[in-house]
């Protein structure tokens, strides 16, 4: 949150913050295309530069994962901004996942997934 007493972050510095967080961040548009992931996401999840612009559903091997992605996006499109929280075992690790709507102004652009490794 930015206030008059606190300086804001310009886009370059914000990018540096996102890249250094020990939290995996992935951004997906309304069509399910991956538009951004930070460095940590490439270390703890299956995130590669060639996935940018591709459908996130192609990264998931389980059909139920794709059903969950579709349900989350449709829920956000319906105007419900309630985040989704769940835990899963992936890549030999227990992870905590949060998926929130990505809103710019009054416009829904997609969703943001954050992942924290629990162990």
C-alpha atoms as a PDB file:
ATOM      1  CA  UNK A   1       0.000   0.000   0.000  1.00  0.00           C
ATOM      2  CA  UNK A   2       1.310   3.427  -0.894  1.00  0.00           C
ATOM      3  CA  UNK A   3       0.680   6.487   1.256  1.00  0.00           C
ATOM      4  CA  UNK A   4       1.831  10.094   1.060  1.00  0.00           C
ATOM      5  CA  UNK A   5       4.450   9.359   3.715  1.00  0.00           C
ATOM      6  CA  UNK A   6       5.837   6.278   1.958  1.00  0.00           C
ATOM      7  CA  UNK A   7       7.483   6.406  -1.437  1.00  0.00           C
ATOM      8  CA  UNK A   8       6.018   4.106  -4.059  1.00  0.00           C
ATOM      9  CA  UNK A   9       7.934   1.579  -6.086  1.00  0.00           C
ATOM     10  CA  UNK A  10       8.581   2.307  -9.715  1.00  0.00           C
ATOM     11  CA  UNK A  11       8.045  -0.664 -12.075  1.00  0.00           C
ATOM     12  CA  UNK A  12      11.760  -1.495 -12.217  1.00  0.00           C
ATOM     13  CA  UNK A  13      12.128  -1.686  -8.449  1.00  0.00           C
ATOM     14  CA  UNK A  14       8.870  -3.581  -8.075  1.00  0.00           C
ATOM     15  CA  UNK A  15      10.209  -6.124 -10.559  1.00  0.00           C
ATOM     16  CA  UNK A  16      13.360  -6.506  -8.448  1.00  0.00           C
ATOM     17  CA  UNK A  17      11.255  -7.117  -5.351  1.00  0.00           C
ATOM     18  CA  UNK A  18       9.160  -9.773  -7.112  1.00  0.00           C
ATOM     19  CA  UNK A  19      12.262 -11.506  -8.447  1.00  0.00           C
ATOM     20  CA  UNK A  20      13.855 -11.745  -4.994  1.00  0.00           C
ATOM     21  CA  UNK A  21      10.836 -12.912  -3.013  1.00  0.00           C
ATOM     22  CA  UNK A  22      11.025 -16.431  -1.556  1.00  0.00           C
ATOM     23  CA  UNK A  23       7.497 -16.874  -2.937  1.00  0.00           C
ATOM     24  CA  UNK A  24       6.681 -18.334  -6.339  1.00  0.00           C
ATOM     25  CA  UNK A  25       4.515 -15.881  -8.303  1.00  0.00           C
ATOM     26  CA  UNK A  26       2.735 -16.812 -11.544  1.00  0.00           C
ATOM     27  CA  UNK A  27       0.294 -14.542 -13.412  1.00  0.00           C
ATOM     28  CA  UNK A  28      -2.272 -15.974 -15.835  1.00  0.00           C
ATOM     29  CA  UNK A  29      -4.635 -14.029 -18.115  1.00  0.00           C
ATOM     30  CA  UNK A  30      -8.367 -14.696 -18.511  1.00  0.00           C
ATOM     31  CA  UNK A  31      -7.716 -17.221 -21.273  1.00  0.00           C
ATOM     32  CA  UNK A  32      -5.401 -19.206 -19.000  1.00  0.00           C
ATOM     33  CA  UNK A  33      -2.181 -18.069 -20.706  1.00  0.00           C
ATOM     34  CA  UNK A  34       0.862 -17.627 -18.489  1.00  0.00           C
ATOM     35  CA  UNK A  35       1.997 -14.013 -18.750  1.00  0.00           C
ATOM     36  CA  UNK A  36       4.560 -13.811 -15.933  1.00  0.00           C
ATOM     37  CA  UNK A  37       6.445 -15.875 -13.407  1.00  0.00           C
ATOM     38  CA  UNK A  38       9.242 -14.865 -11.082  1.00  0.00           C
ATOM     39  CA  UNK A  39      12.625 -16.523 -10.613  1.00  0.00           C
ATOM     40  CA  UNK A  40      11.553 -18.454  -7.515  1.00  0.00           C
ATOM     41  CA  UNK A  41       8.636 -19.984  -9.444  1.00  0.00           C
ATOM     42  CA  UNK A  42      11.132 -21.420 -11.930  1.00  0.00           C
ATOM     43  CA  UNK A  43      13.027 -22.992  -9.026  1.00  0.00           C
ATOM     44  CA  UNK A  44      10.119 -24.652  -7.200  1.00  0.00           C
ATOM     45  CA  UNK A  45       7.521 -25.179  -9.952  1.00  0.00           C
ATOM     46  CA  UNK A  46       7.584 -26.230 -13.580  1.00  0.00           C
ATOM     47  CA  UNK A  47       8.034 -22.744 -15.037  1.00  0.00           C
ATOM     48  CA  UNK A  48      10.148 -22.171 -18.142  1.00  0.00           C
ATOM     49  CA  UNK A  49      10.465 -19.147 -20.456  1.00  0.00           C
ATOM     50  CA  UNK A  50       8.908 -21.080 -23.328  1.00  0.00           C
ATOM     51  CA  UNK A  51       5.685 -21.400 -21.268  1.00  0.00           C
ATOM     52  CA  UNK A  52       5.045 -17.648 -21.411  1.00  0.00           C
ATOM     53  CA  UNK A  53       2.052 -17.017 -23.649  1.00  0.00           C
ATOM     54  CA  UNK A  54       1.033 -20.692 -23.456  1.00  0.00           C
ATOM     55  CA  UNK A  55      -2.044 -22.156 -21.810  1.00  0.00           C
ATOM     56  CA  UNK A  56      -1.305 -22.954 -18.161  1.00  0.00           C
ATOM     57  CA  UNK A  57      -3.445 -26.089 -18.494  1.00  0.00           C
ATOM     58  CA  UNK A  58      -0.671 -27.651 -20.582  1.00  0.00           C
ATOM     59  CA  UNK A  59       1.570 -27.583 -17.482  1.00  0.00           C
ATOM     60  CA  UNK A  60      -0.780 -29.811 -15.488  1.00  0.00           C
ATOM     61  CA  UNK A  61      -0.869 -33.564 -15.856  1.00  0.00           C
ATOM     62  CA  UNK A  62      -4.029 -34.158 -13.820  1.00  0.00           C
ATOM     63  CA  UNK A  63      -7.370 -33.338 -15.518  1.00  0.00           C
ATOM     64  CA  UNK A  64      -8.810 -32.285 -12.136  1.00  0.00           C
ATOM     65  CA  UNK A  65      -6.171 -29.531 -11.946  1.00  0.00           C
ATOM     66  CA  UNK A  66      -7.456 -28.043 -15.200  1.00  0.00           C
ATOM     67  CA  UNK A  67     -11.040 -28.259 -13.940  1.00  0.00           C
ATOM     68  CA  UNK A  68      -9.949 -26.355 -10.816  1.00  0.00           C
ATOM     69  CA  UNK A  69      -8.212 -23.669 -12.931  1.00  0.00           C
ATOM     70  CA  UNK A  70     -11.322 -23.210 -15.080  1.00  0.00           C
ATOM     71  CA  UNK A  71     -13.549 -22.975 -11.991  1.00  0.00           C
ATOM     72  CA  UNK A  72     -11.314 -20.335 -10.375  1.00  0.00           C
ATOM     73  CA  UNK A  73     -11.201 -18.175 -13.516  1.00  0.00           C
ATOM     74  CA  UNK A  74     -14.974 -18.449 -14.005  1.00  0.00           C
ATOM     75  CA  UNK A  75     -15.570 -17.546 -10.343  1.00  0.00           C
ATOM     76  CA  UNK A  76     -13.416 -14.427 -10.705  1.00  0.00           C
ATOM     77  CA  UNK A  77     -15.181 -13.535 -13.988  1.00  0.00           C
ATOM     78  CA  UNK A  78     -18.547 -13.760 -12.199  1.00  0.00           C
ATOM     79  CA  UNK A  79     -17.390 -10.946  -9.903  1.00  0.00           C
ATOM     80  CA  UNK A  80     -16.466 -13.017  -6.855  1.00  0.00           C
ATOM     81  CA  UNK A  81     -13.010 -11.804  -5.722  1.00  0.00           C
ATOM     82  CA  UNK A  82     -12.608 -14.402  -2.955  1.00  0.00           C
ATOM     83  CA  UNK A  83      -9.121 -15.954  -3.123  1.00  0.00           C
ATOM     84  CA  UNK A  84      -8.639 -19.705  -3.311  1.00  0.00           C
ATOM     85  CA  UNK A  85      -6.323 -21.354  -0.787  1.00  0.00           C
ATOM     86  CA  UNK A  86      -5.146 -24.951  -0.853  1.00  0.00           C
ATOM     87  CA  UNK A  87      -2.177 -27.143  -0.066  1.00  0.00           C
ATOM     88  CA  UNK A  88      -0.663 -29.801  -2.292  1.00  0.00           C
ATOM     89  CA  UNK A  89       2.311 -32.099  -2.612  1.00  0.00           C
ATOM     90  CA  UNK A  90       4.274 -31.184  -5.740  1.00  0.00           C
ATOM     91  CA  UNK A  91       7.782 -32.034  -6.838  1.00  0.00           C
ATOM     92  CA  UNK A  92       8.452 -33.774  -3.523  1.00  0.00           C
ATOM     93  CA  UNK A  93       7.459 -30.730  -1.466  1.00  0.00           C
ATOM     94  CA  UNK A  94       4.430 -29.594   0.483  1.00  0.00           C
ATOM     95  CA  UNK A  95       3.250 -26.256  -0.911  1.00  0.00           C
ATOM     96  CA  UNK A  96       0.667 -23.691   0.144  1.00  0.00           C
ATOM     97  CA  UNK A  97      -1.085 -22.091  -2.833  1.00  0.00           C
ATOM     98  CA  UNK A  98      -3.152 -18.906  -3.026  1.00  0.00           C
ATOM     99  CA  UNK A  99      -4.916 -17.810  -6.212  1.00  0.00           C
ATOM    100  CA  UNK A 100      -6.347 -14.292  -6.315  1.00  0.00           C
ATOM    101  CA  UNK A 101      -7.953 -12.213  -9.055  1.00  0.00           C
ATOM    102  CA  UNK A 102      -5.656  -9.881 -11.019  1.00  0.00           C
ATOM    103  CA  UNK A 103      -7.602  -6.636 -11.256  1.00  0.00           C
ATOM    104  CA  UNK A 104      -6.416  -3.423 -12.911  1.00  0.00           C
ATOM    105  CA  UNK A 105      -8.696  -0.489 -12.156  1.00  0.00           C
ATOM    106  CA  UNK A 106     -12.144  -2.049 -12.425  1.00  0.00           C
ATOM    107  CA  UNK A 107     -11.124  -4.654 -14.984  1.00  0.00           C
ATOM    108  CA  UNK A 108     -10.387  -8.302 -14.268  1.00  0.00           C
ATOM    109  CA  UNK A 109      -7.274  -9.304 -16.224  1.00  0.00           C
ATOM    110  CA  UNK A 110      -6.708 -12.831 -14.912  1.00  0.00           C
ATOM    111  CA  UNK A 111      -5.358 -14.334 -11.722  1.00  0.00           C
ATOM    112  CA  UNK A 112      -2.192 -14.405  -9.637  1.00  0.00           C
ATOM    113  CA  UNK A 113      -0.941 -17.615  -8.070  1.00  0.00           C
ATOM    114  CA  UNK A 114       1.467 -17.465  -5.155  1.00  0.00           C
ATOM    115  CA  UNK A 115       3.158 -20.562  -3.779  1.00  0.00           C
ATOM    116  CA  UNK A 116       5.085 -20.969  -0.548  1.00  0.00           C
ATOM    117  CA  UNK A 117       7.113 -24.104   0.099  1.00  0.00           C
ATOM    118  CA  UNK A 118       6.151 -25.373   3.542  1.00  0.00           C
ATOM    119  CA  UNK A 119       9.042 -27.731   4.222  1.00  0.00           C
END
